[in-house]
Amino acid sequence: MAKKVKDTKLTKAVALRLQKLRQDKGLTLEQLSFEADMELTQVHRVLNGTHDSQLTTIDKIVKALDTNLSELLKGL
């Protein structure tokens, strides 16, 4: 279960990077949630950086965006 976060730099950086990947792929939040097999609200929270999600949750989104955790976290 995701935990609400105050505003960590890493959480926000991951959220921004996921948003950019989603936009670069031309996917809506609804399309991404379908591809990741996740609830729309959960994807929304992760991509807005309002919840600190488990790596397994982020990994689902990353795979749906056709990349990997290593690439997502590179340089953060």
C-alpha atoms as a PDB file:
ATOM      1  CA  MET A   1       0.000   0.000   0.000  1.00  0.00           C
ATOM      2  CA  ALA A   2       1.253   3.457  -0.866  1.00  0.00           C
ATOM      3  CA  LYS A   3       2.184   5.802   1.932  1.00  0.00           C
ATOM      4  CA  LYS A   4       1.498   9.517   1.824  1.00  0.00           C
ATOM      5  CA  VAL A   5       4.702  11.541   1.639  1.00  0.00           C
ATOM      6  CA  LYS A   6       5.453  15.097   2.596  1.00  0.00           C
ATOM      7  CA  ASP A   7       7.573  16.067  -0.410  1.00  0.00           C
ATOM      8  CA  THR A   8      10.761  14.099  -0.836  1.00  0.00           C
ATOM      9  CA  LYS A   9      13.079  15.051  -3.657  1.00  0.00           C
ATOM     10  CA  LEU A  10      13.380  11.472  -4.924  1.00  0.00           C
ATOM     11  CA  THR A  11       9.625  10.875  -4.961  1.00  0.00           C
ATOM     12  CA  LYS A  12       9.061  14.085  -6.923  1.00  0.00           C
ATOM     13  CA  ALA A  13      11.946  13.349  -9.301  1.00  0.00           C
ATOM     14  CA  VAL A  14      10.604   9.866 -10.053  1.00  0.00           C
ATOM     15  CA  ALA A  15       7.107  11.267 -10.539  1.00  0.00           C
ATOM     16  CA  LEU A  16       8.346  13.917 -12.980  1.00  0.00           C
ATOM     17  CA  ARG A  17      10.353  11.381 -14.935  1.00  0.00           C
ATOM     18  CA  LEU A  18       7.370   8.998 -15.143  1.00  0.00           C
ATOM     19  CA  GLN A  19       5.147  11.867 -16.316  1.00  0.00           C
ATOM     20  CA  LYS A  20       7.632  12.734 -19.054  1.00  0.00           C
ATOM     21  CA  LEU A  21       7.898   9.108 -20.178  1.00  0.00           C
ATOM     22  CA  ARG A  22       4.099   8.872 -20.290  1.00  0.00           C
ATOM     23  CA  GLN A  23       3.835  12.054 -22.328  1.00  0.00           C
ATOM     24  CA  ASP A  24       6.662  10.984 -24.667  1.00  0.00           C
ATOM     25  CA  LYS A  25       4.768   7.740 -25.333  1.00  0.00           C
ATOM     26  CA  GLY A  26       1.584   9.718 -25.971  1.00  0.00           C
ATOM     27  CA  LEU A  27      -0.370   7.798 -23.341  1.00  0.00           C
ATOM     28  CA  THR A  28      -3.213   9.138 -21.248  1.00  0.00           C
ATOM     29  CA  LEU A  29      -3.369   8.247 -17.580  1.00  0.00           C
ATOM     30  CA  GLU A  30      -6.215   5.881 -18.416  1.00  0.00           C
ATOM     31  CA  GLN A  31      -4.169   4.123 -21.085  1.00  0.00           C
ATOM     32  CA  LEU A  32      -1.176   3.839 -18.772  1.00  0.00           C
ATOM     33  CA  SER A  33      -3.268   2.441 -15.937  1.00  0.00           C
ATOM     34  CA  PHE A  34      -4.669  -0.176 -18.335  1.00  0.00           C
ATOM     35  CA  GLU A  35      -1.206  -1.106 -19.648  1.00  0.00           C
ATOM     36  CA  ALA A  36       0.195  -1.312 -16.104  1.00  0.00           C
ATOM     37  CA  ASP A  37      -2.870  -3.260 -14.890  1.00  0.00           C
ATOM     38  CA  MET A  38      -3.352  -0.765 -12.074  1.00  0.00           C
ATOM     39  CA  GLU A  39      -6.165   1.402 -10.758  1.00  0.00           C
ATOM     40  CA  LEU A  40      -6.266   4.856 -12.345  1.00  0.00           C
ATOM     41  CA  THR A  41      -6.161   6.569  -8.953  1.00  0.00           C
ATOM     42  CA  GLN A  42      -3.021   4.637  -7.977  1.00  0.00           C
ATOM     43  CA  VAL A  43      -1.231   5.605 -11.201  1.00  0.00           C
ATOM     44  CA  HIS A  44      -2.344   9.208 -10.725  1.00  0.00           C
ATOM     45  CA  ARG A  45      -0.903   9.332  -7.186  1.00  0.00           C
ATOM     46  CA  VAL A  46       2.431   7.864  -8.289  1.00  0.00           C
ATOM     47  CA  LEU A  47       2.786  10.213 -11.255  1.00  0.00           C
ATOM     48  CA  ASN A  48       1.890  13.224  -9.124  1.00  0.00           C
ATOM     49  CA  GLY A  49       4.354  12.258  -6.402  1.00  0.00           C
ATOM     50  CA  THR A  50       1.696  12.429  -3.696  1.00  0.00           C
ATOM     51  CA  HIS A  51       2.345   8.892  -2.471  1.00  0.00           C
ATOM     52  CA  ASP A  52       5.555   7.012  -1.841  1.00  0.00           C
ATOM     53  CA  SER A  53       4.941   3.760  -3.684  1.00  0.00           C
ATOM     54  CA  GLN A  54       6.704   0.434  -3.449  1.00  0.00           C
ATOM     55  CA  LEU A  55       9.241  -0.369  -6.139  1.00  0.00           C
ATOM     56  CA  THR A  56       7.011  -3.180  -7.391  1.00  0.00           C
ATOM     57  CA  THR A  57       4.288  -0.620  -8.109  1.00  0.00           C
ATOM     58  CA  ILE A  58       6.698   1.718  -9.882  1.00  0.00           C
ATOM     59  CA  ASP A  59       8.110  -1.255 -11.801  1.00  0.00           C
ATOM     60  CA  LYS A  60       4.641  -2.031 -13.213  1.00  0.00           C
ATOM     61  CA  ILE A  61       4.370   1.504 -14.539  1.00  0.00           C
ATOM     62  CA  VAL A  62       7.914   1.480 -15.904  1.00  0.00           C
ATOM     63  CA  LYS A  63       7.285  -1.777 -17.769  1.00  0.00           C
ATOM     64  CA  ALA A  64       4.070  -0.353 -19.220  1.00  0.00           C
ATOM     65  CA  LEU A  65       6.183   2.549 -20.493  1.00  0.00           C
ATOM     66  CA  ASP A  66       8.549   0.050 -22.127  1.00  0.00           C
ATOM     67  CA  THR A  67      11.604   0.892 -20.034  1.00  0.00           C
ATOM     68  CA  ASN A  68      13.156  -0.330 -16.779  1.00  0.00           C
ATOM     69  CA  LEU A  69      13.904   0.848 -13.260  1.00  0.00           C
ATOM     70  CA  SER A  70      17.575   1.323 -14.053  1.00  0.00           C
ATOM     71  CA  GLU A  71      16.815   3.805 -16.818  1.00  0.00           C
ATOM     72  CA  LEU A  72      14.178   5.538 -14.730  1.00  0.00           C
ATOM     73  CA  LEU A  73      16.525   6.121 -11.822  1.00  0.00           C
ATOM     74  CA  LYS A  74      19.639   6.967 -13.835  1.00  0.00           C
ATOM     75  CA  GLY A  75      21.025  10.284 -12.714  1.00  0.00           C
ATOM     76  CA  LEU A  76      18.522  10.950  -9.938  1.00  0.00           C
END
